[in-house]
Amino acid sequence: MHKQTEICQLLDLPWEDVLVTHVFCYLPLRHLVSLQCVSKSFLSLVQVYLANCRKFDPAQTGPHIPKEAFCSMLRHNQVLHHLCVSNCSDWITDKELLPVIGQSQHLLRVDMRGCVHLSRHALVAVSLSCSRLQHLILAHCEWVDNVWCMLRPKPRALIEMINVEQHFLQTKLFNNFCLSVFRTLAEYCPKLQSLKVNHCHNVTESSLGVLRRRNVEIDVEPPLQRALVLLQDVVGFAPFINLQI
């Protein structure tokens, strides 16, 4: 008698040690999600992967993701390191985002650029949950306002939490920022390396100077000293110059 040849199928491989760690990590999430329809076994396997996924961004999910898919994919994930919801900007609100932030205490990077339907509560959630945060991108989030100043006192919220691991902060288009925000950043973010404030119309060079002296890279050039001297000769004093007007 010939021994019957045993055929090893994909699902026979160790799920967490092999498939999740060494196979599925190379496949886009949008393709993996479709595997859930193949069988109950594939559904369970994909759920295991989603619960252990470290990165969630448009490169993985595609340019657009429905609300139901977003909530389903991240429902049981507590180990995210990178979260980008810019491809959800047309619909995502605090209701969908806050539960994800609240259970993701290992986040290193949060990208909420263009998410116009969020509110300051999203920043508060980040401050309370993401003590290891390094990159916070809020470009085109005009709902960001003086809450940055209000988070400074004893309730250790956003500014002091970012102080632990902060390396990069993007604040593009924050027209509602108060001038003291940048002094707050200088005081509470000693590892700050780069600050983007282009089109922030309330920002003056006097506010940015304290960061420039720390060699923080800022995407707005300082005014020429010669121009200040000429203005001083004309008006009799050196005015504060709004670089964005």
Protein backbone atom coordinates (compact mmCIF):
# COMPACT_ATOMS: atom_id res chain seq x y z
CA MET A 1 0.00 0.00 0.00
CA HIS A 2 1.13 3.50 -0.78
CA LYS A 3 0.90 5.97 2.03
CA GLN A 4 -1.62 8.64 1.31
CA THR A 5 0.12 11.94 0.66
CA GLU A 6 -0.92 14.59 3.13
CA ILE A 7 -1.66 17.98 1.61
CA CYS A 8 -0.86 21.00 3.75
CA GLN A 9 -3.28 23.83 3.16
CA LEU A 10 -2.86 27.50 4.00
CA LEU A 11 -5.03 27.37 7.09
CA ASP A 12 -3.03 24.43 8.44
CA LEU A 13 -0.07 26.74 9.09
CA PRO A 14 0.18 28.38 12.53
CA TRP A 15 -2.01 31.46 12.38
CA GLU A 16 -0.34 33.96 14.70
CA ASP A 17 3.24 32.71 14.38
CA VAL A 18 3.30 32.31 10.59
CA LEU A 19 0.31 33.68 8.69
CA VAL A 20 -0.31 36.83 10.69
CA THR A 21 3.35 37.67 11.27
CA HIS A 22 5.00 36.63 8.01
CA VAL A 23 2.33 36.44 5.31
CA PHE A 24 -0.63 38.75 5.87
CA CYS A 25 1.60 41.70 6.77
CA TYR A 26 2.57 41.94 3.07
CA LEU A 27 -1.02 42.08 1.81
CA PRO A 28 -3.20 45.22 1.70
CA LEU A 29 -5.97 45.26 4.28
CA ARG A 30 -8.61 45.76 1.61
CA HIS A 31 -7.63 42.40 0.08
CA LEU A 32 -7.52 40.61 3.41
CA VAL A 33 -10.96 41.85 4.37
CA SER A 34 -12.41 40.28 1.24
CA LEU A 35 -11.07 36.89 2.39
CA GLN A 36 -13.59 36.94 5.23
CA CYS A 37 -16.27 35.97 2.73
CA VAL A 38 -14.49 32.76 1.69
CA SER A 39 -15.25 30.67 4.77
CA LYS A 40 -15.74 30.84 8.52
CA SER A 41 -12.13 29.78 9.00
CA PHE A 42 -10.85 32.65 6.87
CA LEU A 43 -13.19 35.00 8.72
CA SER A 44 -11.66 33.96 12.03
CA LEU A 45 -8.12 34.21 10.65
CA VAL A 46 -8.64 37.73 9.30
CA GLN A 47 -10.15 38.79 12.62
CA VAL A 48 -7.02 37.54 14.37
CA TYR A 49 -4.89 39.59 11.98
CA LEU A 50 -6.97 42.74 12.40
CA ALA A 51 -6.70 42.45 16.17
CA ASN A 52 -2.89 42.33 15.86
CA CYS A 53 -2.44 44.90 13.09
CA ARG A 54 0.09 47.64 13.91
CA LYS A 55 -0.61 50.02 11.03
CA PHE A 56 -3.84 51.43 9.63
CA ASP A 57 -3.47 53.92 6.79
CA PRO A 58 -4.59 54.56 3.17
CA ALA A 59 -1.71 52.50 1.80
CA GLN A 60 -3.25 49.50 3.54
CA THR A 61 -6.95 50.27 3.23
CA GLY A 62 -7.19 52.12 -0.07
CA PRO A 63 -8.19 55.75 -0.78
CA HIS A 64 -11.67 55.43 0.73
CA ILE A 65 -13.10 53.24 3.47
CA PRO A 66 -16.75 52.98 4.53
CA LYS A 67 -17.74 53.82 8.10
CA GLU A 68 -18.97 50.30 8.85
CA ALA A 69 -15.72 48.74 7.62
CA PHE A 70 -13.61 51.14 9.72
CA CYS A 71 -15.50 50.34 12.92
CA SER A 72 -15.48 46.61 12.23
CA MET A 73 -11.78 46.40 11.35
CA LEU A 74 -10.53 48.20 14.47
CA ARG A 75 -13.11 47.04 16.99
CA HIS A 76 -10.79 44.59 18.77
CA ASN A 77 -7.40 46.13 18.01
CA GLN A 78 -5.43 47.39 21.01
CA VAL A 79 -1.91 47.32 19.55
CA LEU A 80 -1.99 49.98 16.81
CA HIS A 81 1.20 52.02 16.35
CA HIS A 82 0.25 54.10 13.30
CA LEU A 83 -3.27 55.41 12.68
CA CYS A 84 -4.15 57.52 9.65
CA VAL A 85 -7.80 58.46 9.10
CA SER A 86 -7.31 61.00 6.32
CA ASN A 87 -9.11 58.69 3.90
CA CYS A 88 -12.12 58.80 6.25
CA SER A 89 -12.19 62.59 6.39
CA ASP A 90 -15.53 62.99 4.62
CA TRP A 91 -17.45 61.12 7.32
CA ILE A 92 -15.40 60.36 10.45
CA THR A 93 -16.56 62.03 13.67
CA ASP A 94 -15.68 61.75 17.35
CA LYS A 95 -18.21 58.92 17.66
CA GLU A 96 -16.16 56.63 15.41
CA LEU A 97 -12.65 57.80 16.33
CA LEU A 98 -12.74 58.15 20.11
CA PRO A 99 -13.31 54.43 20.87
CA VAL A 100 -10.32 53.55 18.66
CA ILE A 101 -8.07 56.15 20.30
CA GLY A 102 -9.20 55.09 23.76
CA GLN A 103 -8.14 51.48 23.26
CA SER A 104 -4.90 52.25 21.38
CA GLN A 105 -2.42 53.21 24.08
CA HIS A 106 0.61 52.24 21.97
CA LEU A 107 0.03 54.78 19.20
CA LEU A 108 3.19 56.49 17.95
CA ARG A 109 1.68 58.36 15.02
CA VAL A 110 -1.80 59.83 14.54
CA ASP A 111 -2.75 61.49 11.26
CA MET A 112 -6.09 63.33 11.28
CA ARG A 113 -5.37 65.68 8.39
CA GLY A 114 -8.46 67.05 6.69
CA CYS A 115 -10.91 65.48 9.16
CA VAL A 116 -13.23 68.47 9.40
CA HIS A 117 -15.98 66.68 11.33
CA LEU A 118 -13.83 65.94 14.38
CA SER A 119 -13.68 68.23 17.41
CA ARG A 120 -11.34 69.17 20.23
CA HIS A 121 -12.51 66.01 22.02
CA ALA A 122 -10.33 64.04 19.61
CA LEU A 123 -7.25 65.89 20.88
CA VAL A 124 -8.26 65.32 24.47
CA ALA A 125 -8.63 61.59 23.75
CA VAL A 126 -5.17 61.52 22.16
CA SER A 127 -3.70 63.32 25.16
CA LEU A 128 -5.21 60.92 27.67
CA SER A 129 -4.52 57.67 25.81
CA CYS A 130 -1.38 58.13 23.69
CA SER A 131 1.50 58.70 26.11
CA ARG A 132 4.03 57.40 23.55
CA LEU A 133 2.91 59.67 20.72
CA GLN A 134 5.70 60.97 18.46
CA HIS A 135 3.98 62.27 15.31
CA LEU A 136 0.73 64.23 15.38
CA ILE A 137 -0.53 65.53 12.02
CA LEU A 138 -3.50 67.89 12.06
CA ALA A 139 -3.16 69.70 8.74
CA HIS A 140 -6.36 71.41 7.57
CA CYS A 141 -8.10 70.71 10.89
CA GLU A 142 -9.46 74.19 11.48
CA TRP A 143 -11.42 73.02 14.53
CA VAL A 144 -8.14 73.03 16.47
CA ASP A 145 -8.15 76.18 18.57
CA ASN A 146 -7.08 77.49 21.94
CA VAL A 147 -7.80 74.14 23.55
CA TRP A 148 -4.03 73.72 23.30
CA CYS A 149 -3.68 76.47 25.89
CA MET A 150 -6.41 75.07 28.11
CA LEU A 151 -4.67 71.68 28.16
CA ARG A 152 -1.61 73.18 29.77
CA PRO A 153 -2.62 73.29 33.48
CA LYS A 154 -2.54 70.54 36.12
CA PRO A 155 -4.85 68.10 34.31
CA ARG A 156 -2.00 66.47 32.39
CA ALA A 157 -3.52 66.48 28.97
CA LEU A 158 -2.16 66.89 25.48
CA ILE A 159 0.87 69.13 25.93
CA GLU A 160 2.47 67.27 28.82
CA MET A 161 1.69 63.87 27.38
CA ILE A 162 3.33 64.78 24.08
CA ASN A 163 6.30 65.99 26.09
CA VAL A 164 7.34 62.37 26.68
CA GLU A 165 8.06 61.30 23.11
CA GLN A 166 7.32 64.30 20.92
CA HIS A 167 9.44 64.57 17.78
CA PHE A 168 7.25 66.09 15.09
CA LEU A 169 4.19 68.29 15.19
CA GLN A 170 2.40 69.59 12.13
CA THR A 171 -0.04 72.46 12.69
CA LYS A 172 -0.75 73.66 9.18
CA LEU A 173 -3.79 75.92 8.70
CA PHE A 174 -4.51 76.46 12.41
CA ASN A 175 -5.96 79.93 11.99
CA ASN A 176 -7.51 79.86 15.47
CA PHE A 177 -4.28 79.33 17.42
CA CYS A 178 -3.54 81.79 20.19
CA LEU A 179 -0.05 83.27 20.30
CA SER A 180 0.87 81.64 23.60
CA VAL A 181 0.54 78.17 22.05
CA PHE A 182 4.05 78.29 20.64
CA ARG A 183 5.58 79.27 23.95
CA THR A 184 3.66 76.32 25.41
CA LEU A 185 5.17 74.03 22.77
CA ALA A 186 8.64 75.31 23.60
CA GLU A 187 8.11 74.64 27.30
CA TYR A 188 6.40 71.25 27.15
CA CYS A 189 7.86 69.67 23.99
CA PRO A 190 11.65 69.59 24.50
CA LYS A 191 12.13 67.05 21.69
CA LEU A 192 10.24 69.06 19.09
CA GLN A 193 12.20 69.08 15.82
CA SER A 194 9.83 70.36 13.15
CA LEU A 195 6.88 72.75 13.13
CA LYS A 196 4.75 73.61 10.10
CA VAL A 197 2.73 76.80 10.44
CA ASN A 198 2.28 77.96 6.86
CA HIS A 199 -1.02 79.89 6.49
CA CYS A 200 -1.48 80.27 10.25
CA HIS A 201 -2.56 83.88 10.13
CA ASN A 202 -2.32 84.53 13.87
CA VAL A 203 1.36 83.58 14.07
CA THR A 204 4.00 86.28 14.50
CA GLU A 205 7.76 86.02 14.52
CA SER A 206 7.84 86.93 18.20
CA SER A 207 5.89 83.73 18.89
CA LEU A 208 8.16 81.55 16.76
CA GLY A 209 11.43 83.05 17.93
CA VAL A 210 11.64 80.94 21.08
CA LEU A 211 11.41 77.79 18.93
CA ARG A 212 13.92 79.04 16.36
CA ARG A 213 16.44 79.60 19.15
CA ARG A 214 16.09 75.88 19.94
CA ASN A 215 16.86 75.08 16.27
CA VAL A 216 13.35 73.78 15.61
CA GLU A 217 12.80 73.52 11.85
CA ILE A 218 9.95 75.87 10.87
CA ASP A 219 8.48 76.08 7.37
CA VAL A 220 8.23 79.90 7.49
CA GLU A 221 11.36 81.99 7.02
CA PRO A 222 12.09 84.77 9.55
CA PRO A 223 11.84 88.35 8.24
CA LEU A 224 15.04 89.94 7.03
CA GLN A 225 16.69 92.10 9.64
CA ARG A 226 17.13 94.78 7.00
CA ALA A 227 13.38 94.93 6.44
CA LEU A 228 12.82 95.43 10.15
CA VAL A 229 15.34 98.25 10.24
CA LEU A 230 13.62 99.98 7.32
CA LEU A 231 10.23 99.62 8.97
CA GLN A 232 11.61 100.97 12.21
CA ASP A 233 12.92 104.02 10.38
CA VAL A 234 9.52 104.61 8.79
CA VAL A 235 7.18 104.05 11.72
CA GLY A 236 9.54 104.86 14.57
CA PHE A 237 9.48 101.43 16.20
CA ALA A 238 9.98 97.78 15.29
CA PRO A 239 6.47 96.29 14.86
CA PHE A 240 5.41 92.68 15.22
CA ILE A 241 5.37 91.25 11.71
CA ASN A 242 2.66 88.79 10.68
CA LEU A 243 4.54 86.62 8.21
CA GLN A 244 1.44 85.10 6.63
CA ILE A 245 -0.34 88.24 5.47
